[in-house]
Amino acid sequence: MAKTPDNFKQMSEEMQHIMDHAKALVDATSGEVDERIKSARAALKERLDSAKRESSALEDRLLDQVKVADEFIHIKPYYAIGGTFVAGLFLGWFMSRK
């Protein structure tokens, strides 16, 4: 489980970089007078704001679910081990079929 926060952090940082580049593009085209550029800029800014809100909400939900799963595994470790074992058996059986 030590890798999950690192991977999540990397993905979160990458999404933040993409959003920063898109914001820089919006800011760079602010002086343009062409109507198509203005409408594209407005649409990109709207999508960027929406993506930020959705990313924040998704991050919060994901972290809540990870905490719930971690608590469940600590409370009932044998259920988690048994479930993983059964899932492994089914996966092995499924993959070994011709």
PDB file of N, CA and C in Angstrom:
ATOM      1  N   MET A   1       0.817  -1.184   0.000  1.00  0.00           N
ATOM      2  CA  MET A   1       0.000   0.000   0.000  1.00  0.00           C
ATOM      3  C   MET A   1       0.864   1.253   0.000  1.00  0.00           C
ATOM      4  N   ALA A   2       2.147   1.108   0.209  1.00  0.00           N
ATOM      5  CA  ALA A   2       3.022   2.267   0.238  1.00  0.00           C
ATOM      6  C   ALA A   2       3.142   2.914  -1.137  1.00  0.00           C
ATOM      7  N   LYS A   3       2.947   2.160  -2.218  1.00  0.00           N
ATOM      8  CA  LYS A   3       3.073   2.707  -3.559  1.00  0.00           C
ATOM      9  C   LYS A   3       1.857   3.532  -3.962  1.00  0.00           C
ATOM     10  N   THR A   4       0.682   3.236  -3.422  1.00  0.00           N
ATOM     11  CA  THR A   4      -0.540   3.917  -3.842  1.00  0.00           C
ATOM     12  C   THR A   4      -0.483   5.424  -3.613  1.00  0.00           C
ATOM     13  N   PRO A   5      -0.108   5.914  -2.428  1.00  0.00           N
ATOM     14  CA  PRO A   5      -0.038   7.366  -2.270  1.00  0.00           C
ATOM     15  C   PRO A   5       0.976   8.017  -3.204  1.00  0.00           C
ATOM     16  N   ASP A   6       2.102   7.334  -3.472  1.00  0.00           N
ATOM     17  CA  ASP A   6       3.102   7.887  -4.380  1.00  0.00           C
ATOM     18  C   ASP A   6       2.547   7.988  -5.790  1.00  0.00           C
ATOM     19  N   ASN A   7       1.885   6.935  -6.270  1.00  0.00           N
ATOM     20  CA  ASN A   7       1.295   6.960  -7.604  1.00  0.00           C
ATOM     21  C   ASN A   7       0.199   8.015  -7.686  1.00  0.00           C
ATOM     22  N   PHE A   8      -0.611   8.102  -6.668  1.00  0.00           N
ATOM     23  CA  PHE A   8      -1.680   9.088  -6.642  1.00  0.00           C
ATOM     24  C   PHE A   8      -1.095  10.493  -6.664  1.00  0.00           C
ATOM     25  N   LYS A   9      -0.034  10.685  -5.920  1.00  0.00           N
ATOM     26  CA  LYS A   9       0.614  11.995  -5.869  1.00  0.00           C
ATOM     27  C   LYS A   9       1.180  12.361  -7.237  1.00  0.00           C
ATOM     28  N   GLN A  10       1.801  11.396  -7.926  1.00  0.00           N
ATOM     29  CA  GLN A  10       2.349  11.648  -9.256  1.00  0.00           C
ATOM     30  C   GLN A  10       1.244  11.995 -10.239  1.00  0.00           C
ATOM     31  N   MET A  11       0.131  11.254 -10.215  1.00  0.00           N
ATOM     32  CA  MET A  11      -0.983  11.537 -11.119  1.00  0.00           C
ATOM     33  C   MET A  11      -1.589  12.905 -10.819  1.00  0.00           C
ATOM     34  N   SER A  12      -1.712  13.225  -9.553  1.00  0.00           N
ATOM     35  CA  SER A  12      -2.266  14.508  -9.166  1.00  0.00           C
ATOM     36  C   SER A  12      -1.367  15.650  -9.626  1.00  0.00           C
ATOM     37  N   GLU A  13      -0.066  15.485  -9.469  1.00  0.00           N
ATOM     38  CA  GLU A  13       0.874  16.509  -9.917  1.00  0.00           C
ATOM     39  C   GLU A  13       0.840  16.657 -11.432  1.00  0.00           C
ATOM     40  N   GLU A  14       0.734  15.556 -12.157  1.00  0.00           N
ATOM     41  CA  GLU A  14       0.674  15.610 -13.620  1.00  0.00           C
ATOM     42  C   GLU A  14      -0.591  16.326 -14.087  1.00  0.00           C
ATOM     43  N   MET A  15      -1.727  16.031 -13.458  1.00  0.00           N
ATOM     44  CA  MET A  15      -2.963  16.727 -13.806  1.00  0.00           C
ATOM     45  C   MET A  15      -2.844  18.219 -13.508  1.00  0.00           C
ATOM     46  N   GLN A  16      -2.176  18.556 -12.412  1.00  0.00           N
ATOM     47  CA  GLN A  16      -1.987  19.960 -12.073  1.00  0.00           C
ATOM     48  C   GLN A  16      -1.115  20.656 -13.116  1.00  0.00           C
ATOM     49  N   HIS A  17      -0.081  19.968 -13.611  1.00  0.00           N
ATOM     50  CA  HIS A  17       0.768  20.543 -14.665  1.00  0.00           C
ATOM     51  C   HIS A  17      -0.034  20.783 -15.942  1.00  0.00           C
ATOM     52  N   ILE A  18      -0.872  19.833 -16.302  1.00  0.00           N
ATOM     53  CA  ILE A  18      -1.703  19.987 -17.509  1.00  0.00           C
ATOM     54  C   ILE A  18      -2.643  21.178 -17.346  1.00  0.00           C
ATOM     55  N   MET A  19      -3.253  21.291 -16.184  1.00  0.00           N
ATOM     56  CA  MET A  19      -4.162  22.415 -15.946  1.00  0.00           C
ATOM     57  C   MET A  19      -3.404  23.742 -15.956  1.00  0.00           C
ATOM     58  N   ASP A  20      -2.182  23.749 -15.413  1.00  0.00           N
ATOM     59  CA  ASP A  20      -1.385  24.975 -15.427  1.00  0.00           C
ATOM     60  C   ASP A  20      -1.033  25.393 -16.848  1.00  0.00           C
ATOM     61  N   HIS A  21      -0.674  24.421 -17.697  1.00  0.00           N
ATOM     62  CA  HIS A  21      -0.354  24.732 -19.093  1.00  0.00           C
ATOM     63  C   HIS A  21      -1.588  25.257 -19.832  1.00  0.00           C
ATOM     64  N   ALA A  22      -2.738  24.665 -19.572  1.00  0.00           N
ATOM     65  CA  ALA A  22      -3.965  25.138 -20.220  1.00  0.00           C
ATOM     66  C   ALA A  22      -4.299  26.555 -19.755  1.00  0.00           C
ATOM     67  N   LYS A  23      -4.093  26.832 -18.469  1.00  0.00           N
ATOM     68  CA  LYS A  23      -4.338  28.185 -17.954  1.00  0.00           C
ATOM     69  C   LYS A  23      -3.368  29.173 -18.582  1.00  0.00           C
ATOM     70  N   ALA A  24      -2.118  28.762 -18.757  1.00  0.00           N
ATOM     71  CA  ALA A  24      -1.143  29.639 -19.407  1.00  0.00           C
ATOM     72  C   ALA A  24      -1.552  29.928 -20.848  1.00  0.00           C
ATOM     73  N   LEU A  25      -2.092  28.936 -21.530  1.00  0.00           N
ATOM     74  CA  LEU A  25      -2.576  29.133 -22.893  1.00  0.00           C
ATOM     75  C   LEU A  25      -3.741  30.118 -22.918  1.00  0.00           C
ATOM     76  N   VAL A  26      -4.649  29.994 -21.967  1.00  0.00           N
ATOM     77  CA  VAL A  26      -5.772  30.927 -21.880  1.00  0.00           C
ATOM     78  C   VAL A  26      -5.252  32.342 -21.635  1.00  0.00           C
ATOM     79  N   ASP A  27      -4.300  32.477 -20.720  1.00  0.00           N
ATOM     80  CA  ASP A  27      -3.748  33.803 -20.418  1.00  0.00           C
ATOM     81  C   ASP A  27      -2.964  34.378 -21.598  1.00  0.00           C
ATOM     82  N   ALA A  28      -2.271  33.534 -22.342  1.00  0.00           N
ATOM     83  CA  ALA A  28      -1.467  34.004 -23.473  1.00  0.00           C
ATOM     84  C   ALA A  28      -2.334  34.529 -24.606  1.00  0.00           C
ATOM     85  N   THR A  29      -3.527  34.033 -24.737  1.00  0.00           N
ATOM     86  CA  THR A  29      -4.407  34.466 -25.834  1.00  0.00           C
ATOM     87  C   THR A  29      -5.393  35.543 -25.401  1.00  0.00           C
ATOM     88  N   SER A  30      -5.180  36.129 -24.244  1.00  0.00           N
ATOM     89  CA  SER A  30      -6.148  37.106 -23.740  1.00  0.00           C
ATOM     90  C   SER A  30      -6.187  38.383 -24.572  1.00  0.00           C
ATOM     91  N   GLY A  31      -5.109  38.725 -25.264  1.00  0.00           N
ATOM     92  CA  GLY A  31      -5.081  39.950 -26.055  1.00  0.00           C
ATOM     93  C   GLY A  31      -5.579  39.783 -27.475  1.00  0.00           C
ATOM     94  N   GLU A  32      -5.928  38.591 -27.883  1.00  0.00           N
ATOM     95  CA  GLU A  32      -6.382  38.349 -29.248  1.00  0.00           C
ATOM     96  C   GLU A  32      -7.783  38.916 -29.459  1.00  0.00           C
ATOM     97  N   VAL A  33      -8.041  39.399 -30.653  1.00  0.00           N
ATOM     98  CA  VAL A  33      -9.331  40.021 -30.934  1.00  0.00           C
ATOM     99  C   VAL A  33     -10.220  39.174 -31.831  1.00  0.00           C
ATOM    100  N   ASP A  34      -9.676  38.114 -32.405  1.00  0.00           N
ATOM    101  CA  ASP A  34     -10.470  37.264 -33.291  1.00  0.00           C
ATOM    102  C   ASP A  34     -11.581  36.580 -32.483  1.00  0.00           C
ATOM    103  N   GLU A  35     -12.771  36.561 -33.035  1.00  0.00           N
ATOM    104  CA  GLU A  35     -13.936  36.009 -32.334  1.00  0.00           C
ATOM    105  C   GLU A  35     -13.785  34.507 -32.073  1.00  0.00           C
ATOM    106  N   ARG A  36     -13.213  33.781 -33.016  1.00  0.00           N
ATOM    107  CA  ARG A  36     -13.023  32.330 -32.823  1.00  0.00           C
ATOM    108  C   ARG A  36     -12.074  32.062 -31.669  1.00  0.00           C
ATOM    109  N   ILE A  37     -11.033  32.847 -31.549  1.00  0.00           N
ATOM    110  CA  ILE A  37     -10.077  32.657 -30.457  1.00  0.00           C
ATOM    111  C   ILE A  37     -10.738  33.005 -29.125  1.00  0.00           C
ATOM    112  N   LYS A  38     -11.538  34.045 -29.118  1.00  0.00           N
ATOM    113  CA  LYS A  38     -12.241  34.418 -27.885  1.00  0.00           C
ATOM    114  C   LYS A  38     -13.190  33.317 -27.434  1.00  0.00           C
ATOM    115  N   SER A  39     -13.940  32.748 -28.379  1.00  0.00           N
ATOM    116  CA  SER A  39     -14.887  31.697 -27.997  1.00  0.00           C
ATOM    117  C   SER A  39     -14.153  30.426 -27.567  1.00  0.00           C
ATOM    118  N   ALA A  40     -13.054  30.107 -28.259  1.00  0.00           N
ATOM    119  CA  ALA A  40     -12.269  28.928 -27.862  1.00  0.00           C
ATOM    120  C   ALA A  40     -11.639  29.147 -26.494  1.00  0.00           C
ATOM    121  N   ARG A  41     -11.174  30.353 -26.246  1.00  0.00           N
ATOM    122  CA  ARG A  41     -10.573  30.686 -24.956  1.00  0.00           C
ATOM    123  C   ARG A  41     -11.613  30.564 -23.841  1.00  0.00           C
ATOM    124  N   ALA A  42     -12.810  31.071 -24.076  1.00  0.00           N
ATOM    125  CA  ALA A  42     -13.871  30.989 -23.071  1.00  0.00           C
ATOM    126  C   ALA A  42     -14.266  29.541 -22.803  1.00  0.00           C
ATOM    127  N   ALA A  43     -14.360  28.747 -23.863  1.00  0.00           N
ATOM    128  CA  ALA A  43     -14.718  27.333 -23.695  1.00  0.00           C
ATOM    129  C   ALA A  43     -13.634  26.589 -22.928  1.00  0.00           C
ATOM    130  N   LEU A  44     -12.368  26.867 -23.254  1.00  0.00           N
ATOM    131  CA  LEU A  44     -11.261  26.202 -22.560  1.00  0.00           C
ATOM    132  C   LEU A  44     -11.237  26.600 -21.089  1.00  0.00           C
ATOM    133  N   LYS A  45     -11.479  27.866 -20.812  1.00  0.00           N
ATOM    134  CA  LYS A  45     -11.487  28.317 -19.420  1.00  0.00           C
ATOM    135  C   LYS A  45     -12.623  27.655 -18.639  1.00  0.00           C
ATOM    136  N   GLU A  46     -13.787  27.530 -19.269  1.00  0.00           N
ATOM    137  CA  GLU A  46     -14.923  26.872 -18.613  1.00  0.00           C
ATOM    138  C   GLU A  46     -14.618  25.404 -18.341  1.00  0.00           C
ATOM    139  N   ARG A  47     -14.052  24.726 -19.329  1.00  0.00           N
ATOM    140  CA  ARG A  47     -13.698  23.309 -19.144  1.00  0.00           C
ATOM    141  C   ARG A  47     -12.621  23.139 -18.081  1.00  0.00           C
ATOM    142  N   LEU A  48     -11.673  24.052 -18.056  1.00  0.00           N
ATOM    143  CA  LEU A  48     -10.594  23.991 -17.079  1.00  0.00           C
ATOM    144  C   LEU A  48     -11.136  24.146 -15.661  1.00  0.00           C
ATOM    145  N   ASP A  49     -12.032  25.098 -15.458  1.00  0.00           N
ATOM    146  CA  ASP A  49     -12.649  25.276 -14.136  1.00  0.00           C
ATOM    147  C   ASP A  49     -13.454  24.047 -13.736  1.00  0.00           C
ATOM    148  N   SER A  50     -14.183  23.487 -14.688  1.00  0.00           N
ATOM    149  CA  SER A  50     -14.960  22.284 -14.422  1.00  0.00           C
ATOM    150  C   SER A  50     -14.053  21.110 -14.059  1.00  0.00           C
ATOM    151  N   ALA A  51     -12.943  20.969 -14.785  1.00  0.00           N
ATOM    152  CA  ALA A  51     -12.002  19.875 -14.510  1.00  0.00           C
ATOM    153  C   ALA A  51     -11.387  20.016 -13.127  1.00  0.00           C
ATOM    154  N   LYS A  52     -11.092  21.229 -12.726  1.00  0.00           N
ATOM    155  CA  LYS A  52     -10.529  21.445 -11.391  1.00  0.00           C
ATOM    156  C   LYS A  52     -11.525  21.025 -10.306  1.00  0.00           C
ATOM    157  N   ARG A  53     -12.785  21.420 -10.487  1.00  0.00           N
ATOM    158  CA  ARG A  53     -13.804  21.043  -9.499  1.00  0.00           C
ATOM    159  C   ARG A  53     -13.990  19.529  -9.443  1.00  0.00           C
ATOM    160  N   GLU A  54     -14.085  18.905 -10.610  1.00  0.00           N
ATOM    161  CA  GLU A  54     -14.292  17.458 -10.653  1.00  0.00           C
ATOM    162  C   GLU A  54     -13.087  16.712 -10.110  1.00  0.00           C
ATOM    163  N   SER A  55     -11.888  17.202 -10.407  1.00  0.00           N
ATOM    164  CA  SER A  55     -10.674  16.567  -9.910  1.00  0.00           C
ATOM    165  C   SER A  55     -10.619  16.626  -8.390  1.00  0.00           C
ATOM    166  N   SER A  56     -10.977  17.749  -7.841  1.00  0.00           N
ATOM    167  CA  SER A  56     -10.984  17.905  -6.386  1.00  0.00           C
ATOM    168  C   SER A  56     -12.006  16.973  -5.741  1.00  0.00           C
ATOM    169  N   ALA A  57     -13.191  16.908  -6.326  1.00  0.00           N
ATOM    170  CA  ALA A  57     -14.232  16.033  -5.776  1.00  0.00           C
ATOM    171  C   ALA A  57     -13.831  14.568  -5.892  1.00  0.00           C
ATOM    172  N   LEU A  58     -13.255  14.191  -7.017  1.00  0.00           N
ATOM    173  CA  LEU A  58     -12.819  12.813  -7.214  1.00  0.00           C
ATOM    174  C   LEU A  58     -11.709  12.450  -6.249  1.00  0.00           C
ATOM    175  N   GLU A  59     -10.798  13.361  -6.035  1.00  0.00           N
ATOM    176  CA  GLU A  59      -9.704  13.114  -5.100  1.00  0.00           C
ATOM    177  C   GLU A  59     -10.246  12.890  -3.693  1.00  0.00           C
ATOM    178  N   ASP A  60     -11.202  13.699  -3.279  1.00  0.00           N
ATOM    179  CA  ASP A  60     -11.786  13.542  -1.949  1.00  0.00           C
ATOM    180  C   ASP A  60     -12.505  12.201  -1.809  1.00  0.00           C
ATOM    181  N   ARG A  61     -13.288  11.828  -2.820  1.00  0.00           N
ATOM    182  CA  ARG A  61     -14.005  10.545  -2.766  1.00  0.00           C
ATOM    183  C   ARG A  61     -13.029   9.375  -2.747  1.00  0.00           C
ATOM    184  N   LEU A  62     -11.970   9.457  -3.556  1.00  0.00           N
ATOM    185  CA  LEU A  62     -10.990   8.376  -3.620  1.00  0.00           C
ATOM    186  C   LEU A  62     -10.291   8.198  -2.281  1.00  0.00           C
ATOM    187  N   LEU A  63      -9.879   9.290  -1.684  1.00  0.00           N
ATOM    188  CA  LEU A  63      -9.201   9.189  -0.392  1.00  0.00           C
ATOM    189  C   LEU A  63     -10.135   8.652   0.691  1.00  0.00           C
ATOM    190  N   ASP A  64     -11.408   9.021   0.647  1.00  0.00           N
ATOM    191  CA  ASP A  64     -12.373   8.471   1.606  1.00  0.00           C
ATOM    192  C   ASP A  64     -12.512   6.964   1.437  1.00  0.00           C
ATOM    193  N   GLN A  65     -12.596   6.500   0.189  1.00  0.00           N
ATOM    194  CA  GLN A  65     -12.738   5.072  -0.075  1.00  0.00           C
ATOM    195  C   GLN A  65     -11.480   4.296   0.342  1.00  0.00           C
ATOM    196  N   VAL A  66     -10.321   4.876   0.126  1.00  0.00           N
ATOM    197  CA  VAL A  66      -9.071   4.222   0.540  1.00  0.00           C
ATOM    198  C   VAL A  66      -9.024   4.091   2.051  1.00  0.00           C
ATOM    199  N   LYS A  67      -9.459   5.121   2.765  1.00  0.00           N
ATOM    200  CA  LYS A  67      -9.475   5.061   4.231  1.00  0.00           C
ATOM    201  C   LYS A  67     -10.452   3.994   4.725  1.00  0.00           C
ATOM    202  N   VAL A  68     -11.627   3.912   4.091  1.00  0.00           N
ATOM    203  CA  VAL A  68     -12.620   2.907   4.483  1.00  0.00           C
ATOM    204  C   VAL A  68     -12.068   1.507   4.243  1.00  0.00           C
ATOM    205  N   ALA A  69     -11.447   1.290   3.089  1.00  0.00           N
ATOM    206  CA  ALA A  69     -10.879  -0.031   2.785  1.00  0.00           C
ATOM    207  C   ALA A  69      -9.758  -0.376   3.754  1.00  0.00           C
ATOM    208  N   ASP A  70      -8.923   0.593   4.081  1.00  0.00           N
ATOM    209  CA  ASP A  70      -7.829   0.350   5.018  1.00  0.00           C
ATOM    210  C   ASP A  70      -8.363  -0.009   6.402  1.00  0.00           C
ATOM    211  N   GLU A  71      -9.400   0.694   6.860  1.00  0.00           N
ATOM    212  CA  GLU A  71      -9.997   0.373   8.150  1.00  0.00           C
ATOM    213  C   GLU A  71     -10.615  -1.021   8.151  1.00  0.00           C
ATOM    214  N   PHE A  72     -11.297  -1.382   7.045  1.00  0.00           N
ATOM    215  CA  PHE A  72     -11.920  -2.703   6.961  1.00  0.00           C
ATOM    216  C   PHE A  72     -10.862  -3.802   7.028  1.00  0.00           C
ATOM    217  N   ILE A  73      -9.771  -3.599   6.319  1.00  0.00           N
ATOM    218  CA  ILE A  73      -8.710  -4.615   6.317  1.00  0.00           C
ATOM    219  C   ILE A  73      -8.085  -4.736   7.697  1.00  0.00           C
ATOM    220  N   HIS A  74      -7.949  -3.627   8.416  1.00  0.00           N
ATOM    221  CA  HIS A  74      -7.392  -3.714   9.762  1.00  0.00           C
ATOM    222  C   HIS A  74      -8.368  -4.344  10.748  1.00  0.00           C
ATOM    223  N   ILE A  75      -9.657  -4.129  10.547  1.00  0.00           N
ATOM    224  CA  ILE A  75     -10.655  -4.700  11.459  1.00  0.00           C
ATOM    225  C   ILE A  75     -10.863  -6.189  11.178  1.00  0.00           C
ATOM    226  N   LYS A  76     -10.963  -6.556   9.905  1.00  0.00           N
ATOM    227  CA  LYS A  76     -11.238  -7.944   9.525  1.00  0.00           C
ATOM    228  C   LYS A  76     -10.213  -8.418   8.491  1.00  0.00           C
ATOM    229  N   PRO A  77      -8.990  -8.697   8.927  1.00  0.00           N
ATOM    230  CA  PRO A  77      -7.953  -9.066   7.958  1.00  0.00           C
ATOM    231  C   PRO A  77      -8.213 -10.425   7.297  1.00  0.00           C
ATOM    232  N   TYR A  78      -8.860 -11.340   8.004  1.00  0.00           N
ATOM    233  CA  TYR A  78      -9.080 -12.663   7.424  1.00  0.00           C
ATOM    234  C   TYR A  78     -10.098 -12.616   6.289  1.00  0.00           C
ATOM    235  N   TYR A  79     -11.048 -11.706   6.361  1.00  0.00           N
ATOM    236  CA  TYR A  79     -11.996 -11.542   5.249  1.00  0.00           C
ATOM    237  C   TYR A  79     -11.254 -11.064   4.004  1.00  0.00           C
ATOM    238  N   ALA A  80     -10.350 -10.117   4.189  1.00  0.00           N
ATOM    239  CA  ALA A  80      -9.580  -9.597   3.055  1.00  0.00           C
ATOM    240  C   ALA A  80      -8.685 -10.685   2.470  1.00  0.00           C
ATOM    241  N   ILE A  81      -8.046 -11.464   3.313  1.00  0.00           N
ATOM    242  CA  ILE A  81      -7.174 -12.548   2.836  1.00  0.00           C
ATOM    243  C   ILE A  81      -8.007 -13.600   2.115  1.00  0.00           C
ATOM    244  N   GLY A  82      -9.140 -13.983   2.692  1.00  0.00           N
ATOM    245  CA  GLY A  82     -10.015 -14.975   2.070  1.00  0.00           C
ATOM    246  C   GLY A  82     -10.568 -14.495   0.740  1.00  0.00           C
ATOM    247  N   GLY A  83     -11.006 -13.245   0.688  1.00  0.00           N
ATOM    248  CA  GLY A  83     -11.522 -12.692  -0.568  1.00  0.00           C
ATOM    249  C   GLY A  83     -10.463 -12.654  -1.645  1.00  0.00           C
ATOM    250  N   THR A  84      -9.256 -12.274  -1.283  1.00  0.00           N
ATOM    251  CA  THR A  84      -8.153 -12.244  -2.244  1.00  0.00           C
ATOM    252  C   THR A  84      -7.825 -13.653  -2.722  1.00  0.00           C
ATOM    253  N   PHE A  85      -7.860 -14.617  -1.810  1.00  0.00           N
ATOM    254  CA  PHE A  85      -7.576 -16.006  -2.175  1.00  0.00           C
ATOM    255  C   PHE A  85      -8.619 -16.531  -3.160  1.00  0.00           C
ATOM    256  N   VAL A  86      -9.892 -16.293  -2.868  1.00  0.00           N
ATOM    257  CA  VAL A  86     -10.967 -16.753  -3.754  1.00  0.00           C
ATOM    258  C   VAL A  86     -10.874 -16.063  -5.117  1.00  0.00           C
ATOM    259  N   ALA A  87     -10.606 -14.773  -5.118  1.00  0.00           N
ATOM    260  CA  ALA A  87     -10.463 -14.049  -6.386  1.00  0.00           C
ATOM    261  C   ALA A  87      -9.287 -14.610  -7.185  1.00  0.00           C
ATOM    262  N   GLY A  88      -8.201 -14.954  -6.503  1.00  0.00           N
ATOM    263  CA  GLY A  88      -7.042 -15.546  -7.172  1.00  0.00           C
ATOM    264  C   GLY A  88      -7.362 -16.909  -7.758  1.00  0.00           C
ATOM    265  N   LEU A  89      -8.136 -17.710  -7.020  1.00  0.00           N
ATOM    266  CA  LEU A  89      -8.539 -19.013  -7.537  1.00  0.00           C
ATOM    267  C   LEU A  89      -9.381 -18.868  -8.811  1.00  0.00           C
ATOM    268  N   PHE A  90     -10.374 -17.999  -8.771  1.00  0.00           N
ATOM    269  CA  PHE A  90     -11.215 -17.785  -9.951  1.00  0.00           C
ATOM    270  C   PHE A  90     -10.413 -17.241 -11.127  1.00  0.00           C
ATOM    271  N   LEU A  91      -9.528 -16.320 -10.852  1.00  0.00           N
ATOM    272  CA  LEU A  91      -8.705 -15.747 -11.921  1.00  0.00           C
ATOM    273  C   LEU A  91      -7.793 -16.827 -12.517  1.00  0.00           C
ATOM    274  N   GLY A  92      -7.190 -17.646 -11.677  1.00  0.00           N
ATOM    275  CA  GLY A  92      -6.342 -18.728 -12.165  1.00  0.00           C
ATOM    276  C   GLY A  92      -7.125 -19.753 -12.966  1.00  0.00           C
ATOM    277  N   TRP A  93      -8.311 -20.094 -12.484  1.00  0.00           N
ATOM    278  CA  TRP A  93      -9.164 -21.039 -13.209  1.00  0.00           C
ATOM    279  C   TRP A  93      -9.571 -20.454 -14.551  1.00  0.00           C
ATOM    280  N   PHE A  94      -9.963 -19.201 -14.573  1.00  0.00           N
ATOM    281  CA  PHE A  94     -10.397 -18.547 -15.792  1.00  0.00           C
ATOM    282  C   PHE A  94      -9.264 -18.455 -16.816  1.00  0.00           C
ATOM    283  N   MET A  95      -8.073 -18.151 -16.354  1.00  0.00           N
ATOM    284  CA  MET A  95      -6.934 -17.999 -17.267  1.00  0.00           C
ATOM    285  C   MET A  95      -6.420 -19.347 -17.764  1.00  0.00           C
ATOM    286  N   SER A  96      -6.637 -20.408 -17.013  1.00  0.00           N
ATOM    287  CA  SER A  96      -6.129 -21.712 -17.438  1.00  0.00           C
ATOM    288  C   SER A  96      -7.055 -22.439 -18.399  1.00  0.00           C
ATOM    289  N   ARG A  97      -8.273 -21.950 -18.576  1.00  0.00           N
ATOM    290  CA  ARG A  97      -9.212 -22.562 -19.519  1.00  0.00           C
ATOM    291  C   ARG A  97      -8.735 -22.356 -20.934  1.00  0.00           C
ATOM    292  N   LYS A  98      -9.073 -23.289 -21.780  1.00  0.00           N
ATOM    293  CA  LYS A  98      -8.654 -23.192 -23.183  1.00  0.00           C
ATOM    294  C   LYS A  98      -9.732 -22.645 -24.039  1.00  0.00           C
TER     295      LYS A  98
END
